[in-house]
Amino acid sequence: MVNFNRRQFIALAVTGGSIAIGANLWLKQSKSEVKNTKQVPNLTKIYQSKDGLLDVHLEANYTPVNLSGNQAYLLTYNGQIPAPRLEAKPGDLIKIKLTNKLQQPTNLHYHGLHISPTGKEDNVFLKINPEESFTYEFKIPKTQKAGTFWYHPHVHGYVADQLSGGLAGLFIVRGELDEVPEIKIAQEEFLVLQDFALDDQGQLLSSNHMDLMSGREGNLITINGQINPTYTLKQNSLLRLRILNASTSRFYNLSLENHPFYLIATDGGAIQNPLEMTKILLTPGQRVELLVKGNQTPKNYRLINLPYDRGGMGMMGGGMMGGRMGGMMNRRQTSNNATVLATIQYDGVSENVALPSQLTSISSLPLPQQIRRFTLNHGMSPGVGMAFLINNQPYQHERIDTQVKLNTVEDWELINTGVMDHPFHLHVNSFQVISRNGKNEPYLAWRDTVLVRRGETVKIRIPFKDYKGKTVYHCHILDHEDLGMMGNLEII
């Protein structure tokens, strides 16, 4: 096995070299280990807490999986794409034993959960080496809002490889939103959006330096490990779609034929009132909950990913939106093409169900005690080469970039001076978006990931509550994170 660290990679990127890194190298070497493994259907298991305890064993490994009848060799938790869905309630005790059968170090990040960044909780600085196990243990705060959260690896330098290989699963917290009468009777579906760069044998394709600088996109898009799955909707009823963008870099610009969406929740849980929209953009790491009302002529309708331009690296030659050539079923999926992701099929009739009018109550945060500015860009860094930067610096493991005080509120101005869009993610504490380019955000919501388009300034307001310790903030195009666009945050 050949290992490239970030500096070696960037040196090759600057000189025009082409390399395959991380998972792509050792996955191809490991094919003989799994080629005789019995193929099983891809049925995602659900683990729910019982009597206040969720106790789960996850194994990260390289396994064959079934993607709509096609065999692929991917990284999985417990052999499943997506990973097992975990469900718990506020106040529950969580125990998750992770066994690492990969040939790289790994760990778990509990994306969106408000838990400690230290010890056995959401500690992204832990490294679980190959053939080792580690047991995470934490309590979900009783104040945790119900919502659609998720888990994935977060060892710096390996994050994009491991997520693009398939390591991602939902973490659902049940609570008040689920008890709203109209939502309680709605049909509930979970959609995990993932894309994979695969060759004709179902092997993960290697990535060259332009793929990584742009943020890799796969040639095959799946929902829950399936290609264009069908979901049913009864006429007059409500369909609740809980959607996670678990792709490494791809943006999903979603629209449903002849149907509006009614947004009911974002990353941090419910918004105050349903918000009607005809399309919704989901960047990597983001989640939304949508209601669809079955009030159209009964037939099949397509869930479509509309084109979206997230920018380019023209300065390095070539555009950024092209996917990998070839691949399983000769599919090429890029953000420049409208793509059918799923089909909604009317099946049966129900009594008419109205939309809910009130979902929750959200209070605006108090004025900040501190205002900070963060510039997002890429450029040359002394001793490093081409890198992605926050405030003109690439990530360094030991450096504390930002120090904040517990139980304070801060405004962060996120300024994108580059040529590509960047989704900005903060660990541990959710925030409210205050404005974009000086214009107030149209509705109040809790988020942990926000898109900062090229040329934009986005102001977010953050309450640093409950937990001290060291954590991170970063671009959630995970190739950009691995290549430097991350900072260390210390809460004191």
Protein backbone atom coordinates (compact mmCIF):
# COMPACT_ATOMS: atom_id res chain seq x y z
CA MET A 1 0.00 0.00 0.00
CA VAL A 2 1.22 3.48 -0.93
CA ASN A 3 0.35 6.38 1.35
CA PHE A 4 0.29 10.02 0.24
CA ASN A 5 0.01 12.74 2.80
CA ARG A 6 -1.59 16.09 1.96
CA ARG A 7 1.74 17.79 1.21
CA GLN A 8 2.81 15.05 -1.22
CA PHE A 9 -0.55 15.20 -2.92
CA ILE A 10 -0.47 18.97 -3.37
CA ALA A 11 3.06 18.85 -4.71
CA LEU A 12 1.82 16.48 -7.41
CA ALA A 13 -1.22 18.69 -8.04
CA VAL A 14 0.99 21.73 -8.61
CA THR A 15 3.29 19.87 -11.03
CA GLY A 16 0.38 18.37 -12.94
CA GLY A 17 0.88 14.83 -11.67
CA SER A 18 -1.99 12.36 -11.45
CA ILE A 19 -2.37 10.00 -8.51
CA ALA A 20 -4.84 7.66 -6.93
CA ILE A 21 -5.03 8.11 -3.20
CA GLY A 22 -6.53 6.62 -0.08
CA ALA A 23 -9.33 4.12 -0.47
CA ASN A 24 -8.91 3.86 -4.25
CA LEU A 25 -5.41 2.37 -3.94
CA TRP A 26 -6.07 -0.32 -1.38
CA LEU A 27 -9.60 -1.11 -2.50
CA LYS A 28 -8.33 -2.42 -5.82
CA GLN A 29 -5.66 -4.43 -4.01
CA SER A 30 -8.29 -5.92 -1.69
CA LYS A 31 -10.65 -7.25 -4.38
CA SER A 32 -9.37 -10.81 -3.94
CA GLU A 33 -10.44 -10.70 -0.30
CA VAL A 34 -14.12 -10.28 -1.16
CA LYS A 35 -14.64 -11.67 -4.66
CA ASN A 36 -16.07 -14.96 -3.36
CA THR A 37 -18.28 -13.37 -0.72
CA LYS A 38 -21.95 -14.30 -1.03
CA GLN A 39 -24.04 -11.40 -2.37
CA VAL A 40 -27.03 -10.43 -0.20
CA PRO A 41 -29.85 -7.91 -0.82
CA ASN A 42 -29.19 -4.38 0.42
CA LEU A 43 -31.71 -4.02 3.27
CA THR A 44 -30.78 -1.27 5.72
CA LYS A 45 -31.25 -2.37 9.32
CA ILE A 46 -32.86 -0.07 11.88
CA TYR A 47 -31.65 0.06 15.49
CA GLN A 48 -34.00 1.80 17.93
CA SER A 49 -33.37 2.64 21.54
CA LYS A 50 -35.23 0.58 24.13
CA ASP A 51 -35.80 1.52 27.77
CA GLY A 52 -33.54 4.55 27.34
CA LEU A 53 -30.59 2.68 25.77
CA LEU A 54 -29.28 2.32 22.22
CA ASP A 55 -26.47 -0.25 22.17
CA VAL A 56 -25.01 -0.97 18.72
CA HIS A 57 -21.95 -2.64 17.21
CA LEU A 58 -20.77 -1.23 13.88
CA GLU A 59 -18.02 -2.73 11.73
CA ALA A 60 -16.36 -0.63 9.03
CA ASN A 61 -15.18 -2.88 6.21
CA TYR A 62 -14.78 -3.24 2.45
CA THR A 63 -17.61 -5.44 1.17
CA PRO A 64 -19.65 -6.30 -1.93
CA VAL A 65 -23.09 -4.72 -1.99
CA ASN A 66 -26.11 -4.87 -4.26
CA LEU A 67 -27.02 -1.59 -5.96
CA SER A 68 -30.31 -2.32 -7.79
CA GLY A 69 -29.06 -5.72 -8.94
CA ASN A 70 -25.51 -4.57 -9.73
CA GLN A 71 -22.59 -5.69 -7.59
CA ALA A 72 -20.30 -2.99 -6.28
CA TYR A 73 -17.36 -3.09 -3.87
CA LEU A 74 -17.74 -0.31 -1.32
CA LEU A 75 -16.92 0.77 2.21
CA THR A 76 -19.76 -0.13 4.55
CA TYR A 77 -20.89 -0.26 8.14
CA ASN A 78 -22.17 -3.78 8.78
CA GLY A 79 -22.17 -4.51 5.05
CA GLN A 80 -24.94 -2.01 4.28
CA ILE A 81 -25.37 0.98 1.94
CA PRO A 82 -26.48 3.23 3.50
CA ALA A 83 -25.36 2.24 7.00
CA PRO A 84 -27.85 1.08 9.65
CA ARG A 85 -30.33 3.74 10.71
CA LEU A 86 -30.05 4.61 14.40
CA GLU A 87 -33.06 6.01 16.27
CA ALA A 88 -33.18 7.41 19.79
CA LYS A 89 -34.93 9.99 21.97
CA PRO A 90 -33.72 12.94 24.06
CA GLY A 91 -32.25 11.64 27.33
CA ASP A 92 -31.28 8.24 25.91
CA LEU A 93 -27.87 6.67 26.60
CA ILE A 94 -25.98 5.76 23.42
CA LYS A 95 -23.29 3.08 23.23
CA ILE A 96 -21.73 2.46 19.83
CA LYS A 97 -18.83 0.04 19.47
CA LEU A 98 -16.94 0.66 16.23
CA THR A 99 -14.60 -2.03 14.91
CA ASN A 100 -12.23 -0.93 12.15
CA LYS A 101 -11.64 -3.57 9.45
CA LEU A 102 -10.35 -0.98 6.98
CA GLN A 103 -6.69 -0.53 6.14
CA GLN A 104 -6.83 3.11 7.25
CA PRO A 105 -7.55 4.79 10.59
CA THR A 106 -11.16 5.86 11.06
CA ASN A 107 -13.59 7.20 13.67
CA LEU A 108 -17.16 8.54 13.93
CA HIS A 109 -18.59 12.06 13.82
CA TYR A 110 -22.19 12.49 15.01
CA HIS A 111 -23.11 15.24 12.59
CA GLY A 112 -25.64 17.69 14.04
CA LEU A 113 -25.94 16.22 17.54
CA HIS A 114 -25.36 18.64 20.43
CA ILE A 115 -22.95 16.52 22.46
CA SER A 116 -19.44 16.98 23.89
CA PRO A 117 -16.50 17.13 21.43
CA THR A 118 -14.24 15.33 23.92
CA GLY A 119 -13.70 11.87 25.39
CA LYS A 120 -15.99 9.14 24.07
CA GLU A 121 -18.49 11.51 22.49
CA ASP A 122 -18.17 13.54 19.26
CA ASN A 123 -14.38 13.49 19.38
CA VAL A 124 -13.09 13.84 15.82
CA PHE A 125 -9.47 13.77 17.01
CA LEU A 126 -9.74 10.11 17.99
CA LYS A 127 -8.10 7.59 15.66
CA ILE A 128 -9.25 3.98 15.60
CA ASN A 129 -6.48 2.08 13.84
CA PRO A 130 -6.99 -0.98 11.62
CA GLU A 131 -8.15 -4.08 13.57
CA GLU A 132 -8.92 -1.95 16.63
CA SER A 133 -12.28 -1.25 18.30
CA PHE A 134 -13.55 1.70 20.30
CA THR A 135 -16.82 2.21 22.19
CA TYR A 136 -18.46 5.63 22.03
CA GLU A 137 -20.73 6.47 24.95
CA PHE A 138 -22.86 9.58 25.44
CA LYS A 139 -26.27 10.80 26.44
CA ILE A 140 -28.49 12.70 24.06
CA PRO A 141 -29.40 15.91 25.92
CA LYS A 142 -33.00 16.22 26.99
CA THR A 143 -32.95 19.60 25.24
CA GLN A 144 -31.96 18.03 21.88
CA LYS A 145 -34.53 18.91 19.22
CA ALA A 146 -36.06 16.11 17.19
CA GLY A 147 -34.38 15.90 13.83
CA THR A 148 -32.58 14.13 11.01
CA PHE A 149 -28.92 13.77 11.94
CA TRP A 150 -26.23 11.38 10.66
CA TYR A 151 -22.88 9.73 11.33
CA HIS A 152 -19.76 9.36 9.20
CA PRO A 153 -15.94 9.13 9.52
CA HIS A 154 -13.88 12.21 10.38
CA VAL A 155 -10.14 11.42 10.52
CA HIS A 156 -8.54 14.36 8.73
CA GLY A 157 -6.99 13.34 5.42
CA TYR A 158 -9.24 10.29 5.03
CA VAL A 159 -12.71 11.82 5.31
CA ALA A 160 -13.48 12.25 1.60
CA ASP A 161 -12.14 8.82 0.66
CA GLN A 162 -14.15 7.04 3.31
CA LEU A 163 -17.39 8.95 2.74
CA SER A 164 -17.19 8.62 -1.06
CA GLY A 165 -16.63 4.90 -0.49
CA GLY A 166 -20.00 4.66 1.27
CA LEU A 167 -19.53 5.18 5.03
CA ALA A 168 -22.61 7.14 6.09
CA GLY A 169 -25.77 6.46 8.09
CA LEU A 170 -28.77 8.29 9.54
CA PHE A 171 -29.10 9.11 13.24
CA ILE A 172 -32.72 10.02 13.98
CA VAL A 173 -33.81 11.74 17.17
CA ARG A 174 -37.56 11.33 17.78
CA GLY A 175 -39.45 14.05 19.62
CA GLU A 176 -42.01 16.83 19.43
CA LEU A 177 -42.11 17.20 15.64
CA ASP A 178 -43.09 13.54 15.25
CA GLU A 179 -46.13 14.15 17.48
CA VAL A 180 -47.65 16.96 15.39
CA PRO A 181 -50.98 15.29 14.40
CA GLU A 182 -50.71 15.87 10.65
CA ILE A 183 -47.09 14.70 10.59
CA LYS A 184 -47.77 11.71 12.80
CA ILE A 185 -50.20 10.24 10.25
CA ALA A 186 -48.07 11.14 7.21
CA GLN A 187 -46.26 8.36 5.40
CA GLU A 188 -42.56 8.64 6.33
CA GLU A 189 -39.68 7.87 3.97
CA PHE A 190 -35.94 8.30 4.54
CA LEU A 191 -33.80 9.20 1.50
CA VAL A 192 -30.00 8.95 1.78
CA LEU A 193 -28.45 10.46 -1.36
CA GLN A 194 -25.03 9.05 -2.28
CA ASP A 195 -22.98 9.05 -5.47
CA PHE A 196 -20.21 6.61 -6.34
CA ALA A 197 -17.43 6.68 -8.95
CA LEU A 198 -17.43 3.09 -10.22
CA ASP A 199 -15.90 1.22 -13.15
CA ASP A 200 -17.65 -1.52 -15.13
CA GLN A 201 -16.70 -4.12 -12.51
CA GLY A 202 -18.21 -2.11 -9.66
CA GLN A 203 -14.82 -1.07 -8.31
CA LEU A 204 -14.26 2.45 -6.99
CA LEU A 205 -12.42 4.57 -9.55
CA SER A 206 -9.26 6.39 -8.58
CA SER A 207 -9.25 10.18 -8.35
CA ASN A 208 -6.73 12.52 -9.94
CA HIS A 209 -5.73 15.90 -8.60
CA MET A 210 -8.39 17.82 -10.57
CA ASP A 211 -11.12 15.57 -9.15
CA LEU A 212 -9.98 16.37 -5.65
CA MET A 213 -9.46 20.10 -6.16
CA SER A 214 -12.93 20.33 -7.71
CA GLY A 215 -14.51 17.97 -5.22
CA ARG A 216 -15.15 14.52 -6.66
CA GLU A 217 -18.54 13.54 -8.06
CA GLY A 218 -19.48 9.96 -8.88
CA ASN A 219 -21.00 8.59 -12.09
CA LEU A 220 -23.76 6.71 -10.25
CA ILE A 221 -26.34 8.31 -7.95
CA THR A 222 -28.27 6.15 -5.50
CA ILE A 223 -31.04 6.68 -2.98
CA ASN A 224 -30.77 4.19 -0.12
CA GLY A 225 -28.40 2.15 -2.30
CA GLN A 226 -30.95 1.90 -5.12
CA ILE A 227 -31.16 3.46 -8.59
CA ASN A 228 -34.39 5.39 -9.23
CA PRO A 229 -36.44 3.74 -6.47
CA THR A 230 -40.23 4.14 -6.36
CA TYR A 231 -42.17 5.54 -3.40
CA THR A 232 -45.94 5.40 -3.09
CA LEU A 233 -48.30 8.23 -2.20
CA LYS A 234 -52.02 7.94 -1.52
CA GLN A 235 -54.24 10.55 -3.10
CA ASN A 236 -55.19 13.29 -0.57
CA SER A 237 -52.54 12.12 1.94
CA LEU A 238 -49.18 13.58 3.05
CA LEU A 239 -45.76 12.08 2.30
CA ARG A 240 -42.94 13.05 4.69
CA LEU A 241 -39.54 12.90 2.99
CA ARG A 242 -36.50 13.02 5.30
CA ILE A 243 -33.53 13.64 3.01
CA LEU A 244 -29.79 13.50 3.69
CA ASN A 245 -27.11 14.58 1.22
CA ALA A 246 -24.38 12.08 2.11
CA SER A 247 -22.37 12.72 -1.05
CA THR A 248 -18.81 13.95 -0.78
CA SER A 249 -19.18 16.97 -3.07
CA ARG A 250 -22.36 16.79 -5.16
CA PHE A 251 -25.12 19.35 -4.67
CA TYR A 252 -28.73 18.19 -5.16
CA ASN A 253 -31.16 20.76 -6.58
CA LEU A 254 -34.41 18.88 -6.00
CA SER A 255 -37.78 19.30 -7.68
CA LEU A 256 -40.87 17.04 -7.90
CA GLU A 257 -42.96 17.13 -11.06
CA ASN A 258 -46.25 19.05 -10.63
CA HIS A 259 -45.87 19.14 -6.84
CA PRO A 260 -44.57 21.83 -4.49
CA PHE A 261 -42.53 20.89 -1.46
CA TYR A 262 -43.50 22.07 2.01
CA LEU A 263 -40.33 22.49 4.07
CA ILE A 264 -40.90 21.52 7.71
CA ALA A 265 -37.35 20.98 9.06
CA THR A 266 -33.72 21.80 8.32
CA ASP A 267 -30.44 20.51 9.82
CA GLY A 268 -31.34 21.43 13.39
CA GLY A 269 -34.98 20.36 13.42
CA ALA A 270 -38.38 21.90 12.77
CA ILE A 271 -38.99 25.38 11.43
CA GLN A 272 -41.93 27.37 12.77
CA ASN A 273 -44.41 26.93 9.89
CA PRO A 274 -44.40 24.89 6.67
CA LEU A 275 -42.77 26.83 3.84
CA GLU A 276 -43.91 26.18 0.27
CA MET A 277 -41.25 25.92 -2.45
CA THR A 278 -40.93 24.46 -5.93
CA LYS A 279 -37.32 23.33 -5.55
CA ILE A 280 -34.74 23.03 -2.79
CA LEU A 281 -30.94 22.95 -2.88
CA LEU A 282 -29.17 20.45 -0.64
CA THR A 283 -25.39 20.80 -0.22
CA PRO A 284 -23.16 18.00 1.14
CA GLY A 285 -23.96 17.34 4.80
CA GLN A 286 -27.32 19.11 4.80
CA ARG A 287 -30.67 17.54 5.68
CA VAL A 288 -34.24 18.64 5.06
CA GLU A 289 -37.68 17.32 5.88
CA LEU A 290 -40.37 17.94 3.27
CA LEU A 291 -44.08 17.27 3.02
CA VAL A 292 -45.64 16.35 -0.32
CA LYS A 293 -49.42 16.54 -0.64
CA GLY A 294 -51.13 13.96 -2.85
CA ASN A 295 -53.45 16.38 -4.62
CA GLN A 296 -52.56 15.78 -8.28
CA THR A 297 -53.91 13.42 -10.94
CA PRO A 298 -52.95 9.88 -9.87
CA LYS A 299 -49.95 8.73 -11.93
CA ASN A 300 -46.17 8.57 -11.64
CA TYR A 301 -44.13 11.71 -10.95
CA ARG A 302 -40.35 12.13 -11.09
CA LEU A 303 -38.12 13.46 -8.32
CA ILE A 304 -35.53 15.38 -10.34
CA ASN A 305 -32.05 16.72 -9.60
CA LEU A 306 -31.92 19.98 -11.56
CA PRO A 307 -28.66 21.44 -12.90
CA TYR A 308 -26.65 23.58 -10.51
CA ASP A 309 -23.32 25.34 -11.12
CA ARG A 310 -21.20 25.27 -7.97
CA GLY A 311 -18.23 26.98 -9.58
CA GLY A 312 -15.01 25.91 -11.22
CA MET A 313 -11.24 25.80 -11.11
CA GLY A 314 -10.61 27.40 -14.49
CA MET A 315 -7.28 28.69 -13.25
CA MET A 316 -6.04 25.11 -13.12
CA GLY A 317 -7.38 24.18 -16.54
CA GLY A 318 -10.70 22.58 -17.35
CA GLY A 319 -14.08 22.81 -15.63
CA MET A 320 -14.95 21.25 -12.36
CA MET A 321 -18.30 19.70 -13.10
CA GLY A 322 -17.35 16.68 -15.15
CA GLY A 323 -17.69 13.31 -13.45
CA ARG A 324 -15.51 10.24 -13.91
CA MET A 325 -15.77 8.63 -17.36
CA GLY A 326 -17.17 5.14 -17.73
CA GLY A 327 -18.61 3.30 -14.79
CA MET A 328 -21.30 0.83 -13.92
CA MET A 329 -24.12 0.71 -16.50
CA ASN A 330 -22.24 3.40 -18.48
CA ARG A 331 -23.83 6.06 -16.27
CA ARG A 332 -22.37 9.55 -16.07
CA GLN A 333 -24.07 11.75 -13.51
CA THR A 334 -22.95 15.34 -13.20
CA SER A 335 -24.47 18.49 -11.76
CA ASN A 336 -24.79 19.88 -15.31
CA ASN A 337 -27.48 17.36 -16.19
CA ALA A 338 -31.06 17.04 -14.95
CA THR A 339 -31.27 13.55 -13.46
CA VAL A 340 -34.22 11.46 -12.33
CA LEU A 341 -33.48 10.33 -8.77
CA ALA A 342 -36.72 8.58 -7.80
CA THR A 343 -40.34 8.08 -8.80
CA ILE A 344 -43.40 8.97 -6.71
CA GLN A 345 -46.30 6.69 -7.59
CA TYR A 346 -49.90 7.34 -6.58
CA ASP A 347 -51.37 4.20 -5.05
CA GLY A 348 -54.79 4.28 -3.39
CA VAL A 349 -56.89 7.01 -1.83
CA SER A 350 -57.12 8.33 1.71
CA GLU A 351 -59.22 10.90 3.52
CA ASN A 352 -58.05 14.44 2.88
CA VAL A 353 -55.20 15.46 5.23
CA ALA A 354 -54.49 19.16 5.72
CA LEU A 355 -51.02 20.62 6.11
CA PRO A 356 -49.99 21.48 9.69
CA SER A 357 -50.11 25.19 10.47
CA GLN A 358 -47.69 25.38 13.43
CA LEU A 359 -44.65 23.13 13.89
CA THR A 360 -42.61 24.66 16.70
CA SER A 361 -41.52 27.95 18.19
CA ILE A 362 -38.04 29.36 17.51
CA SER A 363 -36.66 32.36 19.34
CA SER A 364 -34.16 34.73 17.80
CA LEU A 365 -30.78 34.70 19.49
CA PRO A 366 -29.59 37.72 21.52
CA LEU A 367 -27.11 40.15 20.01
CA PRO A 368 -23.54 38.82 19.82
CA GLN A 369 -20.74 39.52 22.27
CA GLN A 370 -18.16 38.98 19.53
CA ILE A 371 -18.03 39.31 15.73
CA ARG A 372 -15.48 37.35 13.69
CA ARG A 373 -14.72 37.13 9.97
CA PHE A 374 -13.68 34.02 8.06
CA THR A 375 -12.52 34.21 4.45
CA LEU A 376 -12.87 31.08 2.33
CA ASN A 377 -10.59 30.68 -0.66
CA HIS A 378 -7.84 28.59 -2.22
CA GLY A 379 -4.30 29.56 -3.06
CA MET A 380 -0.62 28.88 -2.63
CA SER A 381 0.60 28.31 0.91
CA PRO A 382 4.33 28.48 1.81
CA GLY A 383 5.75 24.99 2.26
CA VAL A 384 2.46 23.37 1.26
CA GLY A 385 1.61 24.37 -2.32
CA MET A 386 -1.95 24.68 -3.60
CA ALA A 387 -4.42 24.33 -0.73
CA PHE A 388 -7.88 25.35 0.39
CA LEU A 389 -7.71 28.07 3.01
CA ILE A 390 -9.65 29.74 5.81
CA ASN A 391 -8.29 33.21 6.54
CA ASN A 392 -5.40 32.46 4.18
CA GLN A 393 -4.23 29.45 6.21
CA PRO A 394 -4.45 25.72 5.49
CA TYR A 395 -5.40 23.41 8.36
CA GLN A 396 -2.80 22.45 10.95
CA HIS A 397 -3.68 19.82 13.51
CA GLU A 398 -2.06 21.45 16.55
CA ARG A 399 -2.94 25.08 15.92
CA ILE A 400 -5.95 26.67 17.67
CA ASP A 401 -7.51 28.92 15.04
CA THR A 402 -10.45 30.27 17.03
CA GLN A 403 -11.04 30.41 20.77
CA VAL A 404 -14.52 31.21 22.12
CA LYS A 405 -16.05 31.43 25.58
CA LEU A 406 -18.71 29.04 26.81
CA ASN A 407 -22.21 30.50 27.21
CA THR A 408 -21.62 33.37 24.82
CA VAL A 409 -23.17 34.26 21.46
CA GLU A 410 -21.04 35.21 18.45
CA ASP A 411 -21.65 36.38 14.90
CA TRP A 412 -19.41 34.84 12.25
CA GLU A 413 -19.21 36.50 8.85
CA LEU A 414 -18.32 33.89 6.23
CA ILE A 415 -16.84 35.55 3.15
CA ASN A 416 -16.23 33.50 0.00
CA THR A 417 -13.63 35.23 -2.18
CA GLY A 418 -12.94 32.15 -4.30
CA VAL A 419 -14.34 30.73 -7.54
CA MET A 420 -16.28 27.82 -6.00
CA ASP A 421 -19.23 27.50 -3.64
CA HIS A 422 -18.41 26.19 -0.14
CA PRO A 423 -20.86 24.67 2.38
CA PHE A 424 -19.60 25.67 5.83
CA HIS A 425 -20.16 23.20 8.70
CA LEU A 426 -19.73 23.79 12.44
CA HIS A 427 -19.49 20.91 14.93
CA VAL A 428 -21.31 20.65 18.29
CA ASN A 429 -23.38 23.87 18.20
CA SER A 430 -26.11 24.73 15.69
CA PHE A 431 -26.59 28.30 14.52
CA GLN A 432 -29.07 30.67 12.92
CA VAL A 433 -28.41 32.30 9.54
CA ILE A 434 -28.87 36.06 9.96
CA SER A 435 -28.19 37.47 6.50
CA ARG A 436 -26.76 36.96 3.00
CA ASN A 437 -24.97 39.90 1.43
CA GLY A 438 -26.65 42.17 3.96
CA LYS A 439 -30.19 40.90 3.26
CA ASN A 440 -32.03 39.22 6.12
CA GLU A 441 -32.64 35.47 5.89
CA PRO A 442 -36.32 34.93 4.94
CA TYR A 443 -37.14 32.43 7.70
CA LEU A 444 -35.79 31.39 11.09
CA ALA A 445 -34.20 27.94 11.38
CA TRP A 446 -31.48 26.02 13.18
CA ARG A 447 -28.65 24.79 10.97
CA ASP A 448 -25.22 23.21 11.24
CA THR A 449 -24.24 23.59 7.57
CA VAL A 450 -24.75 26.67 5.39
CA LEU A 451 -23.90 27.33 1.77
CA VAL A 452 -21.60 30.29 1.09
CA ARG A 453 -21.71 30.89 -2.66
CA ARG A 454 -18.74 32.41 -4.45
CA GLY A 455 -18.79 36.16 -3.92
CA GLU A 456 -21.21 35.89 -0.97
CA THR A 457 -20.98 37.05 2.62
CA VAL A 458 -23.16 35.03 4.99
CA LYS A 459 -23.62 36.04 8.63
CA ILE A 460 -24.44 33.28 11.14
CA ARG A 461 -25.20 33.65 14.87
CA ILE A 462 -23.93 30.90 17.19
CA PRO A 463 -24.72 30.16 20.84
CA PHE A 464 -21.84 28.23 22.41
CA LYS A 465 -23.69 26.16 24.99
CA ASP A 466 -23.08 23.34 27.47
CA TYR A 467 -19.77 21.85 26.29
CA LYS A 468 -16.13 22.90 26.51
CA GLY A 469 -13.35 21.41 24.45
CA LYS A 470 -11.70 21.35 21.04
CA THR A 471 -13.64 20.77 17.85
CA VAL A 472 -13.61 21.95 14.21
CA TYR A 473 -15.36 23.93 11.49
CA HIS A 474 -14.79 23.24 7.80
CA CYS A 475 -16.03 23.14 4.23
CA HIS A 476 -18.30 20.12 3.74
CA ILE A 477 -17.02 19.48 0.26
CA LEU A 478 -14.86 16.94 2.00
CA ASP A 479 -12.01 16.95 -0.51
CA HIS A 480 -11.68 20.65 0.30
CA GLU A 481 -11.63 19.87 4.02
CA ASP A 482 -8.94 17.22 3.57
CA LEU A 483 -6.94 19.68 1.47
CA GLY A 484 -6.90 22.39 4.13
CA MET A 485 -10.26 24.18 4.45
CA MET A 486 -10.75 23.46 8.15
CA GLY A 487 -10.00 25.22 11.44
CA ASN A 488 -9.70 24.15 15.06
CA LEU A 489 -12.16 25.70 17.51
CA GLU A 490 -11.56 25.71 21.25
CA ILE A 491 -14.47 26.42 23.60
CA ILE A 492 -13.21 27.52 27.04
